[in-house]
Each structure stands twice: as C-alpha cells, then as structure tokens.
C-alpha cells in the first residue's frame, strides 16, 4: 500500500514539474489563423458516413466533427473573418442535432465550410 501511495505522489510531482516547465512556453502559432487551419484539418478528415459507425471509425468522426466546431469558434472569436467558417460548421452541427442525420441541409453547410477552407 505504501508503494502505491509513493508512486502516486511521485507521479503527481513529475507531472506537475512538466506542467510548470511548459507553462512558460506558448505554442508557436496560437492565433485565429492557426485555429481556422486546425478546424479545416479536422473537417478534412471528417466523413459523415462514419459518424454512426461502431468502434474507432465512429469515434474518430465524432471527435473530428466536434474539433472542427471548437476550433472554428475559437478562430471566429479571435478574428471576424473566420465567422463564416464557424457559422457554417455550427449550422451543420445544429441541424444534425435536430434531425440526427446528415441530411441535405447539414451537408450543404459542411460544403460551405469546406469551400471556406479551400480559400485558406
């Protein structure tokens, strides 16, 4: 039991040290443009047909779709030029949440978002 507690304490101390050392550094490109590119990368890897798939394919699709929404919202919050991207992804996500499917309307908004990404 003592070794378990010691291991937890040492592990927490090590993690804290790494976190403290990294806290002073900032990402090389923490900008709205970087967030927009990340949203587009997530969207590029997103396949609506795999959204309901079982296993890792479905998990990947779900997480990429969510990441595209989060990154695009962050980009738009930092720079209004990315608002069309965030709006298109949000509309697609809202539509999907209403109808539980990627119908023509949801896919149209995804296409708008992807067109925006093509211009980046």
C-alpha atoms as a PDB file:
ATOM      1  CA  UNK A   1       0.000   0.000   0.000  1.00  0.00           C
ATOM      2  CA  UNK A   2       2.841   2.382   0.832  1.00  0.00           C
ATOM      3  CA  UNK A   3       4.477   1.771  -2.528  1.00  0.00           C
ATOM      4  CA  UNK A   4       1.191   2.621  -4.282  1.00  0.00           C
ATOM      5  CA  UNK A   5       0.896   5.902  -2.394  1.00  0.00           C
ATOM      6  CA  UNK A   6       4.554   6.721  -3.046  1.00  0.00           C
ATOM      7  CA  UNK A   7       4.078   6.007  -6.733  1.00  0.00           C
ATOM      8  CA  UNK A   8       1.065   8.286  -6.923  1.00  0.00           C
ATOM      9  CA  UNK A   9       2.890  11.098  -5.120  1.00  0.00           C
ATOM     10  CA  UNK A  10       5.964  10.789  -7.336  1.00  0.00           C
ATOM     11  CA  UNK A  11       3.839  10.591 -10.456  1.00  0.00           C
ATOM     12  CA  UNK A  12       1.894  13.700  -9.490  1.00  0.00           C
ATOM     13  CA  UNK A  13       5.123  15.534  -8.688  1.00  0.00           C
ATOM     14  CA  UNK A  14       6.604  14.594 -12.050  1.00  0.00           C
ATOM     15  CA  UNK A  15       3.507  15.661 -13.932  1.00  0.00           C
ATOM     16  CA  UNK A  16       3.427  18.942 -12.020  1.00  0.00           C
ATOM     17  CA  UNK A  17       7.062  19.626 -12.849  1.00  0.00           C
ATOM     18  CA  UNK A  18       6.494  19.033 -16.553  1.00  0.00           C
ATOM     19  CA  UNK A  19       3.393  21.235 -16.488  1.00  0.00           C
ATOM     20  CA  UNK A  20       5.255  24.026 -14.677  1.00  0.00           C
ATOM     21  CA  UNK A  21       8.133  23.940 -17.148  1.00  0.00           C
ATOM     22  CA  UNK A  22       5.778  24.061 -20.121  1.00  0.00           C
ATOM     23  CA  UNK A  23       3.576  26.791 -18.613  1.00  0.00           C
ATOM     24  CA  UNK A  24       6.131  29.443 -19.564  1.00  0.00           C
ATOM     25  CA  UNK A  25       6.150  28.430 -23.206  1.00  0.00           C
ATOM     26  CA  UNK A  26       3.437  29.354 -25.671  1.00  0.00           C
ATOM     27  CA  UNK A  27       2.530  27.487 -28.831  1.00  0.00           C
ATOM     28  CA  UNK A  28       4.453  28.649 -31.856  1.00  0.00           C
ATOM     29  CA  UNK A  29       1.282  29.668 -33.673  1.00  0.00           C
ATOM     30  CA  UNK A  30      -1.508  30.355 -31.193  1.00  0.00           C
ATOM     31  CA  UNK A  31      -3.593  32.553 -33.461  1.00  0.00           C
ATOM     32  CA  UNK A  32      -7.046  32.693 -35.028  1.00  0.00           C
ATOM     33  CA  UNK A  33      -5.485  31.679 -38.343  1.00  0.00           C
ATOM     34  CA  UNK A  34      -3.954  28.583 -36.728  1.00  0.00           C
ATOM     35  CA  UNK A  35      -7.311  27.719 -35.177  1.00  0.00           C
ATOM     36  CA  UNK A  36      -9.019  28.098 -38.557  1.00  0.00           C
ATOM     37  CA  UNK A  37      -6.433  25.809 -40.164  1.00  0.00           C
ATOM     38  CA  UNK A  38      -6.936  23.265 -37.367  1.00  0.00           C
ATOM     39  CA  UNK A  39     -10.706  23.405 -37.920  1.00  0.00           C
ATOM     40  CA  UNK A  40     -10.188  22.810 -41.618  1.00  0.00           C
ATOM     41  CA  UNK A  41      -7.813  19.905 -40.956  1.00  0.00           C
ATOM     42  CA  UNK A  42     -10.378  18.303 -38.649  1.00  0.00           C
ATOM     43  CA  UNK A  43     -13.112  18.875 -41.214  1.00  0.00           C
ATOM     44  CA  UNK A  44     -10.924  17.472 -43.975  1.00  0.00           C
ATOM     45  CA  UNK A  45     -10.614  14.210 -42.065  1.00  0.00           C
ATOM     46  CA  UNK A  46     -14.320  14.089 -41.207  1.00  0.00           C
ATOM     47  CA  UNK A  47     -16.567  11.603 -43.034  1.00  0.00           C
ATOM     48  CA  UNK A  48     -20.265  11.983 -42.181  1.00  0.00           C
ATOM     49  CA  UNK A  49     -20.906   8.412 -43.334  1.00  0.00           C
ATOM     50  CA  UNK A  50     -18.704   7.136 -40.497  1.00  0.00           C
ATOM     51  CA  UNK A  51     -20.334   9.272 -37.793  1.00  0.00           C
ATOM     52  CA  UNK A  52     -22.555   6.422 -36.591  1.00  0.00           C
ATOM     53  CA  UNK A  53     -20.026   3.657 -37.200  1.00  0.00           C
ATOM     54  CA  UNK A  54     -19.162   1.394 -34.306  1.00  0.00           C
ATOM     55  CA  UNK A  55     -15.671   1.420 -32.871  1.00  0.00           C
ATOM     56  CA  UNK A  56     -12.794   3.709 -33.650  1.00  0.00           C
ATOM     57  CA  UNK A  57     -14.106   4.908 -37.036  1.00  0.00           C
ATOM     58  CA  UNK A  58     -17.173   6.387 -35.359  1.00  0.00           C
ATOM     59  CA  UNK A  59     -15.158   7.861 -32.505  1.00  0.00           C
ATOM     60  CA  UNK A  60     -12.768   9.499 -34.946  1.00  0.00           C
ATOM     61  CA  UNK A  61     -15.630  11.008 -36.949  1.00  0.00           C
ATOM     62  CA  UNK A  62     -17.401  12.278 -33.842  1.00  0.00           C
ATOM     63  CA  UNK A  63     -14.251  13.868 -32.432  1.00  0.00           C
ATOM     64  CA  UNK A  64     -13.171  15.457 -35.703  1.00  0.00           C
ATOM     65  CA  UNK A  65     -16.625  16.994 -36.168  1.00  0.00           C
ATOM     66  CA  UNK A  66     -16.545  18.360 -32.616  1.00  0.00           C
ATOM     67  CA  UNK A  67     -12.973  19.626 -33.045  1.00  0.00           C
ATOM     68  CA  UNK A  68     -13.886  21.425 -36.257  1.00  0.00           C
ATOM     69  CA  UNK A  69     -16.656  23.222 -34.368  1.00  0.00           C
ATOM     70  CA  UNK A  70     -14.467  24.134 -31.411  1.00  0.00           C
ATOM     71  CA  UNK A  71     -11.512  25.358 -33.469  1.00  0.00           C
ATOM     72  CA  UNK A  72     -13.685  27.338 -35.875  1.00  0.00           C
ATOM     73  CA  UNK A  73     -15.484  29.020 -32.961  1.00  0.00           C
ATOM     74  CA  UNK A  74     -12.123  29.921 -31.437  1.00  0.00           C
ATOM     75  CA  UNK A  75     -10.892  31.305 -34.755  1.00  0.00           C
ATOM     76  CA  UNK A  76     -14.044  33.420 -35.168  1.00  0.00           C
ATOM     77  CA  UNK A  77     -13.770  34.721 -31.612  1.00  0.00           C
ATOM     78  CA  UNK A  78     -10.249  35.910 -32.388  1.00  0.00           C
ATOM     79  CA  UNK A  79     -10.879  37.280 -35.878  1.00  0.00           C
ATOM     80  CA  UNK A  80     -14.240  38.032 -37.507  1.00  0.00           C
ATOM     81  CA  UNK A  81     -13.008  36.918 -40.926  1.00  0.00           C
ATOM     82  CA  UNK A  82     -13.421  33.314 -39.721  1.00  0.00           C
ATOM     83  CA  UNK A  83     -17.057  33.790 -38.679  1.00  0.00           C
ATOM     84  CA  UNK A  84     -18.428  32.312 -41.947  1.00  0.00           C
ATOM     85  CA  UNK A  85     -16.447  29.123 -41.265  1.00  0.00           C
ATOM     86  CA  UNK A  86     -17.678  28.890 -37.676  1.00  0.00           C
ATOM     87  CA  UNK A  87     -21.256  29.678 -38.694  1.00  0.00           C
ATOM     88  CA  UNK A  88     -21.323  27.013 -41.398  1.00  0.00           C
ATOM     89  CA  UNK A  89     -19.968  24.321 -39.094  1.00  0.00           C
ATOM     90  CA  UNK A  90     -22.281  25.380 -36.256  1.00  0.00           C
ATOM     91  CA  UNK A  91     -25.328  25.309 -38.568  1.00  0.00           C
ATOM     92  CA  UNK A  92     -24.343  21.828 -39.718  1.00  0.00           C
ATOM     93  CA  UNK A  93     -23.926  20.661 -36.124  1.00  0.00           C
ATOM     94  CA  UNK A  94     -27.211  22.264 -35.076  1.00  0.00           C
ATOM     95  CA  UNK A  95     -29.039  20.628 -37.986  1.00  0.00           C
ATOM     96  CA  UNK A  96     -27.513  17.254 -37.188  1.00  0.00           C
ATOM     97  CA  UNK A  97     -28.577  17.627 -33.553  1.00  0.00           C
ATOM     98  CA  UNK A  98     -32.155  18.349 -34.661  1.00  0.00           C
ATOM     99  CA  UNK A  99     -32.619  15.585 -37.225  1.00  0.00           C
ATOM    100  CA  UNK A 100     -29.989  13.060 -36.062  1.00  0.00           C
ATOM    101  CA  UNK A 101     -28.756  12.703 -39.618  1.00  0.00           C
ATOM    102  CA  UNK A 102     -26.547  14.402 -42.157  1.00  0.00           C
ATOM    103  CA  UNK A 103     -29.362  15.397 -44.454  1.00  0.00           C
ATOM    104  CA  UNK A 104     -29.009  17.669 -47.492  1.00  0.00           C
ATOM    105  CA  UNK A 105     -29.140  20.812 -45.342  1.00  0.00           C
ATOM    106  CA  UNK A 106     -26.410  19.636 -42.964  1.00  0.00           C
ATOM    107  CA  UNK A 107     -24.245  18.508 -45.881  1.00  0.00           C
ATOM    108  CA  UNK A 108     -24.788  21.844 -47.648  1.00  0.00           C
ATOM    109  CA  UNK A 109     -23.403  23.669 -44.617  1.00  0.00           C
ATOM    110  CA  UNK A 110     -20.468  21.246 -44.460  1.00  0.00           C
ATOM    111  CA  UNK A 111     -19.794  22.001 -48.115  1.00  0.00           C
ATOM    112  CA  UNK A 112     -19.856  25.745 -47.343  1.00  0.00           C
ATOM    113  CA  UNK A 113     -17.345  25.223 -44.557  1.00  0.00           C
ATOM    114  CA  UNK A 114     -15.119  23.139 -46.801  1.00  0.00           C
ATOM    115  CA  UNK A 115     -15.311  25.803 -49.519  1.00  0.00           C
ATOM    116  CA  UNK A 116     -14.198  28.385 -46.972  1.00  0.00           C
ATOM    117  CA  UNK A 117     -11.300  26.101 -46.058  1.00  0.00           C
ATOM    118  CA  UNK A 118     -10.290  25.807 -49.704  1.00  0.00           C
ATOM    119  CA  UNK A 119      -9.707  29.558 -49.688  1.00  0.00           C
ATOM    120  CA  UNK A 120      -7.304  29.498 -46.737  1.00  0.00           C
END
